[in-house]
All heavy atoms as atom14 arrays in JSON, in Angstrom:
{
  "sequence": "VELIARTPAIRWLTRSSKLHTLPTRAQHALYAPTDVGPPGLSWL",
  "atom14_mask": [
    [1, 1, 1, 1, 1, 1, 1, 0, 0, 0, 0, 0, 0, 0],
    [1, 1, 1, 1, 1, 1, 1, 1, 1, 0, 0, 0, 0, 0],
    [1, 1, 1, 1, 1, 1, 1, 1, 0, 0, 0, 0, 0, 0],
    [1, 1, 1, 1, 1, 1, 1, 1, 0, 0, 0, 0, 0, 0],
    [1, 1, 1, 1, 1, 0, 0, 0, 0, 0, 0, 0, 0, 0],
    [1, 1, 1, 1, 1, 1, 1, 1, 1, 1, 1, 0, 0, 0],
    [1, 1, 1, 1, 1, 1, 1, 0, 0, 0, 0, 0, 0, 0],
    [1, 1, 1, 1, 1, 1, 1, 0, 0, 0, 0, 0, 0, 0],
    [1, 1, 1, 1, 1, 0, 0, 0, 0, 0, 0, 0, 0, 0],
    [1, 1, 1, 1, 1, 1, 1, 1, 0, 0, 0, 0, 0, 0],
    [1, 1, 1, 1, 1, 1, 1, 1, 1, 1, 1, 0, 0, 0],
    [1, 1, 1, 1, 1, 1, 1, 1, 1, 1, 1, 1, 1, 1],
    [1, 1, 1, 1, 1, 1, 1, 1, 0, 0, 0, 0, 0, 0],
    [1, 1, 1, 1, 1, 1, 1, 0, 0, 0, 0, 0, 0, 0],
    [1, 1, 1, 1, 1, 1, 1, 1, 1, 1, 1, 0, 0, 0],
    [1, 1, 1, 1, 1, 1, 0, 0, 0, 0, 0, 0, 0, 0],
    [1, 1, 1, 1, 1, 1, 0, 0, 0, 0, 0, 0, 0, 0],
    [1, 1, 1, 1, 1, 1, 1, 1, 1, 0, 0, 0, 0, 0],
    [1, 1, 1, 1, 1, 1, 1, 1, 0, 0, 0, 0, 0, 0],
    [1, 1, 1, 1, 1, 1, 1, 1, 1, 1, 0, 0, 0, 0],
    [1, 1, 1, 1, 1, 1, 1, 0, 0, 0, 0, 0, 0, 0],
    [1, 1, 1, 1, 1, 1, 1, 1, 0, 0, 0, 0, 0, 0],
    [1, 1, 1, 1, 1, 1, 1, 0, 0, 0, 0, 0, 0, 0],
    [1, 1, 1, 1, 1, 1, 1, 0, 0, 0, 0, 0, 0, 0],
    [1, 1, 1, 1, 1, 1, 1, 1, 1, 1, 1, 0, 0, 0],
    [1, 1, 1, 1, 1, 0, 0, 0, 0, 0, 0, 0, 0, 0],
    [1, 1, 1, 1, 1, 1, 1, 1, 1, 0, 0, 0, 0, 0],
    [1, 1, 1, 1, 1, 1, 1, 1, 1, 1, 0, 0, 0, 0],
    [1, 1, 1, 1, 1, 0, 0, 0, 0, 0, 0, 0, 0, 0],
    [1, 1, 1, 1, 1, 1, 1, 1, 0, 0, 0, 0, 0, 0],
    [1, 1, 1, 1, 1, 1, 1, 1, 1, 1, 1, 1, 0, 0],
    [1, 1, 1, 1, 1, 0, 0, 0, 0, 0, 0, 0, 0, 0],
    [1, 1, 1, 1, 1, 1, 1, 0, 0, 0, 0, 0, 0, 0],
    [1, 1, 1, 1, 1, 1, 1, 0, 0, 0, 0, 0, 0, 0],
    [1, 1, 1, 1, 1, 1, 1, 1, 0, 0, 0, 0, 0, 0],
    [1, 1, 1, 1, 1, 1, 1, 0, 0, 0, 0, 0, 0, 0],
    [1, 1, 1, 1, 0, 0, 0, 0, 0, 0, 0, 0, 0, 0],
    [1, 1, 1, 1, 1, 1, 1, 0, 0, 0, 0, 0, 0, 0],
    [1, 1, 1, 1, 1, 1, 1, 0, 0, 0, 0, 0, 0, 0],
    [1, 1, 1, 1, 0, 0, 0, 0, 0, 0, 0, 0, 0, 0],
    [1, 1, 1, 1, 1, 1, 1, 1, 0, 0, 0, 0, 0, 0],
    [1, 1, 1, 1, 1, 1, 0, 0, 0, 0, 0, 0, 0, 0],
    [1, 1, 1, 1, 1, 1, 1, 1, 1, 1, 1, 1, 1, 1],
    [1, 1, 1, 1, 1, 1, 1, 1, 0, 0, 0, 0, 0, 0]
  ],
  "atom14_positions": [
    [[0.83, -1.21, 0.0], [0.0, 0.0, 0.0], [0.86, 1.24, 0.0], [1.79, 1.39, 0.78], [-0.93, 0.02, 1.22], [-1.84, 1.26, 1.17], [-1.76, -1.25, 1.31], [0.0, 0.0, 0.0], [0.0, 0.0, 0.0], [0.0, 0.0, 0.0], [0.0, 0.0, 0.0], [0.0, 0.0, 0.0], [0.0, 0.0, 0.0], [0.0, 0.0, 0.0]],
    [[0.49, 2.17, -0.89], [1.02, 3.52, -0.86], [-0.15, 4.5, -0.75], [-1.09, 4.42, -1.54], [1.83, 3.85, -2.11], [2.39, 5.3, -2.11], [3.26, 5.61, -3.31], [3.32, 4.76, -4.24], [3.85, 6.73, -3.33], [0.0, 0.0, 0.0], [0.0, 0.0, 0.0], [0.0, 0.0, 0.0], [0.0, 0.0, 0.0], [0.0, 0.0, 0.0]],
    [[-0.06, 5.38, 0.23], [-1.08, 6.42, 0.38], [-0.56, 7.71, -0.24], [0.55, 8.17, 0.12], [-1.43, 6.64, 1.85], [-2.56, 7.63, 2.15], [-3.31, 7.21, 3.43], [-2.03, 9.04, 2.3], [0.0, 0.0, 0.0], [0.0, 0.0, 0.0], [0.0, 0.0, 0.0], [0.0, 0.0, 0.0], [0.0, 0.0, 0.0], [0.0, 0.0, 0.0]],
    [[-1.26, 8.25, -1.19], [-0.89, 9.5, -1.89], [-1.86, 10.58, -1.5], [-3.08, 10.46, -1.73], [-0.9, 9.29, -3.42], [0.05, 8.14, -3.78], [-0.5, 10.55, -4.13], [-0.02, 7.72, -5.24], [0.0, 0.0, 0.0], [0.0, 0.0, 0.0], [0.0, 0.0, 0.0], [0.0, 0.0, 0.0], [0.0, 0.0, 0.0], [0.0, 0.0, 0.0]],
    [[-1.34, 11.66, -0.91], [-2.22, 12.73, -0.41], [-1.69, 14.1, -0.78], [-0.45, 14.32, -0.76], [-2.33, 12.61, 1.12], [0.0, 0.0, 0.0], [0.0, 0.0, 0.0], [0.0, 0.0, 0.0], [0.0, 0.0, 0.0], [0.0, 0.0, 0.0], [0.0, 0.0, 0.0], [0.0, 0.0, 0.0], [0.0, 0.0, 0.0], [0.0, 0.0, 0.0]],
    [[-2.57, 15.01, -1.11], [-2.18, 16.39, -1.4], [-1.66, 17.11, -0.16], [-0.76, 17.95, -0.27], [-3.4, 17.19, -1.93], [-3.88, 16.76, -3.31], [-5.12, 17.59, -3.67], [-5.62, 17.24, -4.99], [-5.21, 17.77, -6.13], [-4.26, 18.71, -6.12], [-5.73, 17.39, -7.31], [0.0, 0.0, 0.0], [0.0, 0.0, 0.0], [0.0, 0.0, 0.0]],
    [[-2.21, 16.77, 0.97], [-1.8, 17.45, 2.2], [-0.32, 17.23, 2.45], [0.24, 16.15, 2.18], [-2.61, 16.92, 3.4], [-2.22, 17.58, 4.58], [-2.43, 15.43, 3.6], [0.0, 0.0, 0.0], [0.0, 0.0, 0.0], [0.0, 0.0, 0.0], [0.0, 0.0, 0.0], [0.0, 0.0, 0.0], [0.0, 0.0, 0.0], [0.0, 0.0, 0.0]],
    [[0.39, 18.26, 2.97], [1.85, 18.11, 3.15], [2.24, 17.07, 4.19], [3.37, 16.56, 4.18], [2.27, 19.52, 3.61], [1.04, 20.2, 4.05], [-0.08, 19.62, 3.25], [0.0, 0.0, 0.0], [0.0, 0.0, 0.0], [0.0, 0.0, 0.0], [0.0, 0.0, 0.0], [0.0, 0.0, 0.0], [0.0, 0.0, 0.0], [0.0, 0.0, 0.0]],
    [[1.32, 16.73, 5.09], [1.59, 15.7, 6.08], [0.27, 15.16, 6.6], [-0.74, 15.85, 6.58], [2.43, 16.25, 7.22], [0.0, 0.0, 0.0], [0.0, 0.0, 0.0], [0.0, 0.0, 0.0], [0.0, 0.0, 0.0], [0.0, 0.0, 0.0], [0.0, 0.0, 0.0], [0.0, 0.0, 0.0], [0.0, 0.0, 0.0], [0.0, 0.0, 0.0]],
    [[0.26, 13.93, 7.04], [-0.92, 13.38, 7.65], [-1.11, 14.04, 9.02], [-0.16, 14.14, 9.81], [-0.83, 11.86, 7.83], [-0.65, 11.18, 6.48], [-2.06, 11.31, 8.57], [-1.81, 11.39, 5.52], [0.0, 0.0, 0.0], [0.0, 0.0, 0.0], [0.0, 0.0, 0.0], [0.0, 0.0, 0.0], [0.0, 0.0, 0.0], [0.0, 0.0, 0.0]],
    [[-2.29, 14.52, 9.28], [-2.6, 15.12, 10.58], [-3.09, 14.04, 11.51], [-4.21, 13.54, 11.42], [-3.65, 16.24, 10.42], [-3.96, 16.99, 11.72], [-4.96, 18.13, 11.48], [-4.42, 19.17, 10.64], [-4.78, 19.39, 9.38], [-5.66, 18.59, 8.81], [-4.23, 20.35, 8.68], [0.0, 0.0, 0.0], [0.0, 0.0, 0.0], [0.0, 0.0, 0.0]],
    [[-2.24, 13.64, 12.43], [-2.6, 12.59, 13.39], [-3.21, 13.2, 14.64], [-2.65, 14.12, 15.23], [-1.37, 11.77, 13.8], [-0.73, 11.03, 12.66], [0.38, 11.4, 11.96], [-1.15, 9.76, 12.15], [0.64, 10.48, 10.99], [-0.24, 9.45, 11.08], [-2.18, 8.86, 12.43], [-0.35, 8.28, 10.34], [-2.27, 7.73, 11.7], [-1.37, 7.42, 10.67]],
    [[-4.35, 12.68, 15.05], [-5.06, 13.21, 16.22], [-4.57, 12.49, 17.46], [-5.34, 11.93, 18.25], [-6.58, 13.03, 16.05], [-7.18, 13.74, 14.82], [-8.67, 13.42, 14.66], [-6.98, 15.24, 14.95], [0.0, 0.0, 0.0], [0.0, 0.0, 0.0], [0.0, 0.0, 0.0], [0.0, 0.0, 0.0], [0.0, 0.0, 0.0], [0.0, 0.0, 0.0]],
    [[-3.24, 12.57, 17.71], [-2.68, 11.89, 18.86], [-3.03, 12.62, 20.15], [-3.33, 11.99, 21.17], [-1.15, 11.78, 18.71], [-0.61, 13.08, 18.37], [-0.78, 10.81, 17.59], [0.0, 0.0, 0.0], [0.0, 0.0, 0.0], [0.0, 0.0, 0.0], [0.0, 0.0, 0.0], [0.0, 0.0, 0.0], [0.0, 0.0, 0.0], [0.0, 0.0, 0.0]],
    [[-3.0, 13.95, 20.15], [-3.35, 14.7, 21.34], [-4.82, 14.45, 21.7], [-5.17, 14.26, 22.87], [-3.1, 16.18, 21.14], [-3.4, 17.04, 22.37], [-2.95, 18.48, 22.15], [-3.82, 19.16, 21.21], [-4.77, 20.03, 21.58], [-4.96, 20.29, 22.87], [-5.52, 20.62, 20.69], [0.0, 0.0, 0.0], [0.0, 0.0, 0.0], [0.0, 0.0, 0.0]],
    [[-5.66, 14.44, 20.68], [-7.06, 14.16, 20.9], [-7.26, 12.78, 21.51], [-8.09, 12.62, 22.44], [-7.84, 14.27, 19.58], [-9.19, 13.89, 19.73], [0.0, 0.0, 0.0], [0.0, 0.0, 0.0], [0.0, 0.0, 0.0], [0.0, 0.0, 0.0], [0.0, 0.0, 0.0], [0.0, 0.0, 0.0], [0.0, 0.0, 0.0], [0.0, 0.0, 0.0]],
    [[-6.54, 11.8, 21.01], [-6.68, 10.43, 21.55], [-6.32, 10.41, 23.02], [-6.96, 9.73, 23.84], [-5.79, 9.48, 20.77], [-6.22, 9.39, 19.42], [0.0, 0.0, 0.0], [0.0, 0.0, 0.0], [0.0, 0.0, 0.0], [0.0, 0.0, 0.0], [0.0, 0.0, 0.0], [0.0, 0.0, 0.0], [0.0, 0.0, 0.0], [0.0, 0.0, 0.0]],
    [[-5.26, 11.16, 23.4], [-4.87, 11.18, 24.8], [-5.91, 11.89, 25.68], [-6.23, 11.46, 26.77], [-3.5, 11.85, 24.93], [-2.36, 11.06, 24.35], [-1.05, 11.81, 24.45], [0.09, 11.01, 23.85], [1.39, 11.76, 23.86], [0.0, 0.0, 0.0], [0.0, 0.0, 0.0], [0.0, 0.0, 0.0], [0.0, 0.0, 0.0], [0.0, 0.0, 0.0]],
    [[-6.43, 13.0, 25.16], [-7.43, 13.75, 25.92], [-8.69, 12.93, 26.15], [-9.36, 13.05, 27.17], [-7.79, 15.04, 25.2], [-6.7, 16.13, 25.15], [-7.15, 17.3, 24.29], [-6.3, 16.6, 26.55], [0.0, 0.0, 0.0], [0.0, 0.0, 0.0], [0.0, 0.0, 0.0], [0.0, 0.0, 0.0], [0.0, 0.0, 0.0], [0.0, 0.0, 0.0]],
    [[-8.99, 12.02, 25.2], [-10.17, 11.2, 25.33], [-9.99, 10.08, 26.37], [-10.94, 9.34, 26.65], [-10.6, 10.61, 23.98], [-11.43, 11.55, 23.17], [-10.88, 12.5, 22.37], [-12.77, 11.67, 23.02], [-11.84, 13.18, 21.76], [-13.0, 12.68, 22.14], [0.0, 0.0, 0.0], [0.0, 0.0, 0.0], [0.0, 0.0, 0.0], [0.0, 0.0, 0.0]],
    [[-8.81, 9.93, 26.91], [-8.6, 8.94, 27.96], [-8.74, 9.55, 29.35], [-8.65, 8.87, 30.36], [-7.2, 8.29, 27.86], [-6.18, 9.29, 28.06], [-7.01, 7.67, 26.47], [0.0, 0.0, 0.0], [0.0, 0.0, 0.0], [0.0, 0.0, 0.0], [0.0, 0.0, 0.0], [0.0, 0.0, 0.0], [0.0, 0.0, 0.0], [0.0, 0.0, 0.0]],
    [[-8.97, 10.88, 29.4], [-9.16, 11.57, 30.68], [-10.48, 11.09, 31.34], [-11.34, 10.55, 30.67], [-9.19, 13.07, 30.5], [-7.91, 13.76, 29.99], [-8.2, 15.21, 29.66], [-6.82, 13.65, 31.05], [0.0, 0.0, 0.0], [0.0, 0.0, 0.0], [0.0, 0.0, 0.0], [0.0, 0.0, 0.0], [0.0, 0.0, 0.0], [0.0, 0.0, 0.0]],
    [[-10.6, 11.29, 32.66], [-11.88, 10.99, 33.32], [-13.02, 11.7, 32.62], [-12.85, 12.77, 32.0], [-11.67, 11.5, 34.74], [-10.17, 11.46, 34.96], [-9.58, 11.77, 33.62], [0.0, 0.0, 0.0], [0.0, 0.0, 0.0], [0.0, 0.0, 0.0], [0.0, 0.0, 0.0], [0.0, 0.0, 0.0], [0.0, 0.0, 0.0], [0.0, 0.0, 0.0]],
    [[-14.22, 11.14, 32.74], [-15.38, 11.66, 32.0], [-15.6, 13.15, 32.22], [-15.84, 13.91, 31.25], [-16.64, 10.9, 32.41], [-16.44, 9.52, 32.11], [-17.83, 11.4, 31.64], [0.0, 0.0, 0.0], [0.0, 0.0, 0.0], [0.0, 0.0, 0.0], [0.0, 0.0, 0.0], [0.0, 0.0, 0.0], [0.0, 0.0, 0.0], [0.0, 0.0, 0.0]],
    [[-15.51, 13.63, 33.46], [-15.75, 15.05, 33.72], [-14.75, 15.94, 33.02], [-15.08, 16.99, 32.47], [-15.73, 15.3, 35.22], [-16.97, 14.8, 35.97], [-16.95, 15.27, 37.4], [-18.15, 14.8, 38.11], [-18.39, 15.1, 39.4], [-17.55, 15.85, 40.09], [-19.5, 14.66, 39.96], [0.0, 0.0, 0.0], [0.0, 0.0, 0.0], [0.0, 0.0, 0.0]],
    [[-13.48, 15.5, 33.03], [-12.44, 16.28, 32.35], [-12.66, 16.3, 30.84], [-12.49, 17.31, 30.18], [-11.07, 15.72, 32.7], [0.0, 0.0, 0.0], [0.0, 0.0, 0.0], [0.0, 0.0, 0.0], [0.0, 0.0, 0.0], [0.0, 0.0, 0.0], [0.0, 0.0, 0.0], [0.0, 0.0, 0.0], [0.0, 0.0, 0.0], [0.0, 0.0, 0.0]],
    [[-13.05, 15.14, 30.3], [-13.35, 15.09, 28.85], [-14.47, 16.04, 28.51], [-14.4, 16.78, 27.5], [-13.74, 13.68, 28.46], [-12.6, 12.67, 28.38], [-13.05, 11.37, 27.79], [-13.71, 11.34, 26.73], [-12.78, 10.26, 28.45], [0.0, 0.0, 0.0], [0.0, 0.0, 0.0], [0.0, 0.0, 0.0], [0.0, 0.0, 0.0], [0.0, 0.0, 0.0]],
    [[-15.52, 16.05, 29.29], [-16.68, 16.89, 28.99], [-16.39, 18.37, 29.14], [-17.11, 19.21, 28.58], [-17.87, 16.48, 29.85], [-18.57, 15.23, 29.34], [-19.69, 14.73, 29.92], [-18.29, 14.44, 28.29], [-20.06, 13.65, 29.27], [-19.24, 13.45, 28.25], [0.0, 0.0, 0.0], [0.0, 0.0, 0.0], [0.0, 0.0, 0.0], [0.0, 0.0, 0.0]],
    [[-15.33, 18.73, 29.89], [-14.93, 20.1, 29.97], [-14.32, 20.57, 28.64], [-14.35, 21.77, 28.31], [-13.94, 20.31, 31.1], [0.0, 0.0, 0.0], [0.0, 0.0, 0.0], [0.0, 0.0, 0.0], [0.0, 0.0, 0.0], [0.0, 0.0, 0.0], [0.0, 0.0, 0.0], [0.0, 0.0, 0.0], [0.0, 0.0, 0.0], [0.0, 0.0, 0.0]],
    [[-13.77, 19.64, 27.89], [-13.13, 19.93, 26.63], [-13.99, 19.64, 25.41], [-14.02, 20.38, 24.44], [-11.8, 19.15, 26.52], [-10.76, 19.42, 27.59], [-9.64, 18.38, 27.53], [-10.19, 20.82, 27.43], [0.0, 0.0, 0.0], [0.0, 0.0, 0.0], [0.0, 0.0, 0.0], [0.0, 0.0, 0.0], [0.0, 0.0, 0.0], [0.0, 0.0, 0.0]],
    [[-14.67, 18.51, 25.47], [-15.46, 18.03, 24.34], [-16.91, 17.85, 24.69], [-17.24, 17.3, 25.75], [-14.93, 16.67, 23.87], [-13.52, 16.68, 23.3], [-12.45, 16.29, 24.11], [-13.28, 17.03, 21.98], [-11.16, 16.31, 23.61], [-11.98, 17.04, 21.48], [-10.94, 16.66, 22.3], [-9.66, 16.65, 21.8], [0.0, 0.0, 0.0], [0.0, 0.0, 0.0]],
    [[-17.78, 18.34, 23.82], [-19.21, 18.05, 23.98], [-19.44, 16.55, 23.78], [-18.66, 15.87, 23.12], [-20.03, 18.83, 22.98], [0.0, 0.0, 0.0], [0.0, 0.0, 0.0], [0.0, 0.0, 0.0], [0.0, 0.0, 0.0], [0.0, 0.0, 0.0], [0.0, 0.0, 0.0], [0.0, 0.0, 0.0], [0.0, 0.0, 0.0], [0.0, 0.0, 0.0]],
    [[-20.52, 16.01, 24.36], [-20.8, 14.58, 24.19], [-20.92, 14.18, 22.69], [-20.7, 13.01, 22.33], [-22.12, 14.37, 24.9], [-22.14, 15.47, 25.95], [-21.46, 16.61, 25.28], [0.0, 0.0, 0.0], [0.0, 0.0, 0.0], [0.0, 0.0, 0.0], [0.0, 0.0, 0.0], [0.0, 0.0, 0.0], [0.0, 0.0, 0.0], [0.0, 0.0, 0.0]],
    [[-21.24, 15.12, 21.82], [-21.36, 14.82, 20.41], [-20.0, 14.45, 19.78], [-19.95, 13.78, 18.75], [-21.92, 16.0, 19.63], [-21.23, 17.19, 20.02], [-23.43, 16.16, 19.93], [0.0, 0.0, 0.0], [0.0, 0.0, 0.0], [0.0, 0.0, 0.0], [0.0, 0.0, 0.0], [0.0, 0.0, 0.0], [0.0, 0.0, 0.0], [0.0, 0.0, 0.0]],
    [[-18.92, 14.92, 20.37], [-17.55, 14.54, 19.98], [-17.22, 14.92, 18.53], [-16.61, 14.15, 17.78], [-17.32, 13.04, 20.18], [-15.85, 12.66, 20.15], [-15.01, 13.51, 20.52], [-15.54, 11.49, 19.78], [0.0, 0.0, 0.0], [0.0, 0.0, 0.0], [0.0, 0.0, 0.0], [0.0, 0.0, 0.0], [0.0, 0.0, 0.0], [0.0, 0.0, 0.0]],
    [[-17.66, 16.11, 18.14], [-17.31, 16.64, 16.81], [-16.59, 17.97, 17.0], [-17.13, 18.87, 17.66], [-18.56, 16.85, 15.94], [-18.19, 17.48, 14.59], [-19.3, 15.55, 15.73], [0.0, 0.0, 0.0], [0.0, 0.0, 0.0], [0.0, 0.0, 0.0], [0.0, 0.0, 0.0], [0.0, 0.0, 0.0], [0.0, 0.0, 0.0], [0.0, 0.0, 0.0]],
    [[-15.39, 18.09, 16.47], [-14.64, 19.33, 16.6], [-13.58, 19.26, 17.68], [-13.59, 18.37, 18.54], [0.0, 0.0, 0.0], [0.0, 0.0, 0.0], [0.0, 0.0, 0.0], [0.0, 0.0, 0.0], [0.0, 0.0, 0.0], [0.0, 0.0, 0.0], [0.0, 0.0, 0.0], [0.0, 0.0, 0.0], [0.0, 0.0, 0.0], [0.0, 0.0, 0.0]],
    [[-12.63, 20.22, 17.65], [-11.53, 20.25, 18.62], [-12.03, 20.74, 19.98], [-13.17, 21.2, 20.12], [-10.55, 21.21, 17.99], [-11.39, 22.12, 17.16], [-12.51, 21.28, 16.65], [0.0, 0.0, 0.0], [0.0, 0.0, 0.0], [0.0, 0.0, 0.0], [0.0, 0.0, 0.0], [0.0, 0.0, 0.0], [0.0, 0.0, 0.0], [0.0, 0.0, 0.0]],
    [[-11.17, 20.65, 21.01], [-11.56, 21.09, 22.35], [-12.13, 22.53, 22.31], [-11.62, 23.39, 21.64], [-10.25, 21.03, 23.15], [-9.42, 19.99, 22.46], [-9.78, 20.14, 20.99], [0.0, 0.0, 0.0], [0.0, 0.0, 0.0], [0.0, 0.0, 0.0], [0.0, 0.0, 0.0], [0.0, 0.0, 0.0], [0.0, 0.0, 0.0], [0.0, 0.0, 0.0]],
    [[-13.18, 22.73, 23.08], [-13.81, 24.05, 23.15], [-14.79, 24.27, 22.0], [-15.99, 24.42, 22.25], [0.0, 0.0, 0.0], [0.0, 0.0, 0.0], [0.0, 0.0, 0.0], [0.0, 0.0, 0.0], [0.0, 0.0, 0.0], [0.0, 0.0, 0.0], [0.0, 0.0, 0.0], [0.0, 0.0, 0.0], [0.0, 0.0, 0.0], [0.0, 0.0, 0.0]],
    [[-14.29, 24.3, 20.79], [-15.17, 24.48, 19.63], [-16.2, 23.38, 19.56], [-17.31, 23.59, 19.03], [-14.32, 24.51, 18.35], [-15.05, 24.66, 17.03], [-15.93, 25.9, 17.01], [-14.07, 24.68, 15.87], [0.0, 0.0, 0.0], [0.0, 0.0, 0.0], [0.0, 0.0, 0.0], [0.0, 0.0, 0.0], [0.0, 0.0, 0.0], [0.0, 0.0, 0.0]],
    [[-15.85, 22.22, 20.07], [-16.78, 21.08, 20.08], [-18.14, 21.45, 20.69], [-19.17, 21.03, 20.21], [-16.15, 19.91, 20.86], [-17.06, 18.87, 21.01], [0.0, 0.0, 0.0], [0.0, 0.0, 0.0], [0.0, 0.0, 0.0], [0.0, 0.0, 0.0], [0.0, 0.0, 0.0], [0.0, 0.0, 0.0], [0.0, 0.0, 0.0], [0.0, 0.0, 0.0]],
    [[-18.11, 22.27, 21.74], [-19.37, 22.63, 22.41], [-20.22, 23.56, 21.53], [-21.44, 23.47, 21.55], [-19.06, 23.32, 23.75], [-18.76, 22.32, 24.82], [-17.56, 21.95, 25.31], [-19.72, 21.52, 25.52], [-17.68, 20.96, 26.25], [-19.02, 20.7, 26.4], [-21.1, 21.43, 25.49], [-19.66, 19.79, 27.27], [-21.76, 20.54, 26.32], [-21.02, 19.74, 27.21]],
    [[-19.6, 24.46, 20.79], [-20.33, 25.34, 19.89], [-20.96, 24.56, 18.75], [-22.16, 24.72, 18.41], [-19.44, 26.45, 19.35], [-20.07, 27.41, 18.34], [-21.26, 28.13, 18.96], [-19.0, 28.42, 17.87], [0.0, 0.0, 0.0], [0.0, 0.0, 0.0], [0.0, 0.0, 0.0], [0.0, 0.0, 0.0], [0.0, 0.0, 0.0], [0.0, 0.0, 0.0]]
  ]
}
């Protein structure tokens, strides 16, 4: 397999993956339960 992409680099959501391992209350302070969008903006 070769992945060919226009983007200059693959954007890995490693920080997001780590934040999602926080306790539930801490997660909900950053992410809405809908889990769409980055921290903070997710609630809007």
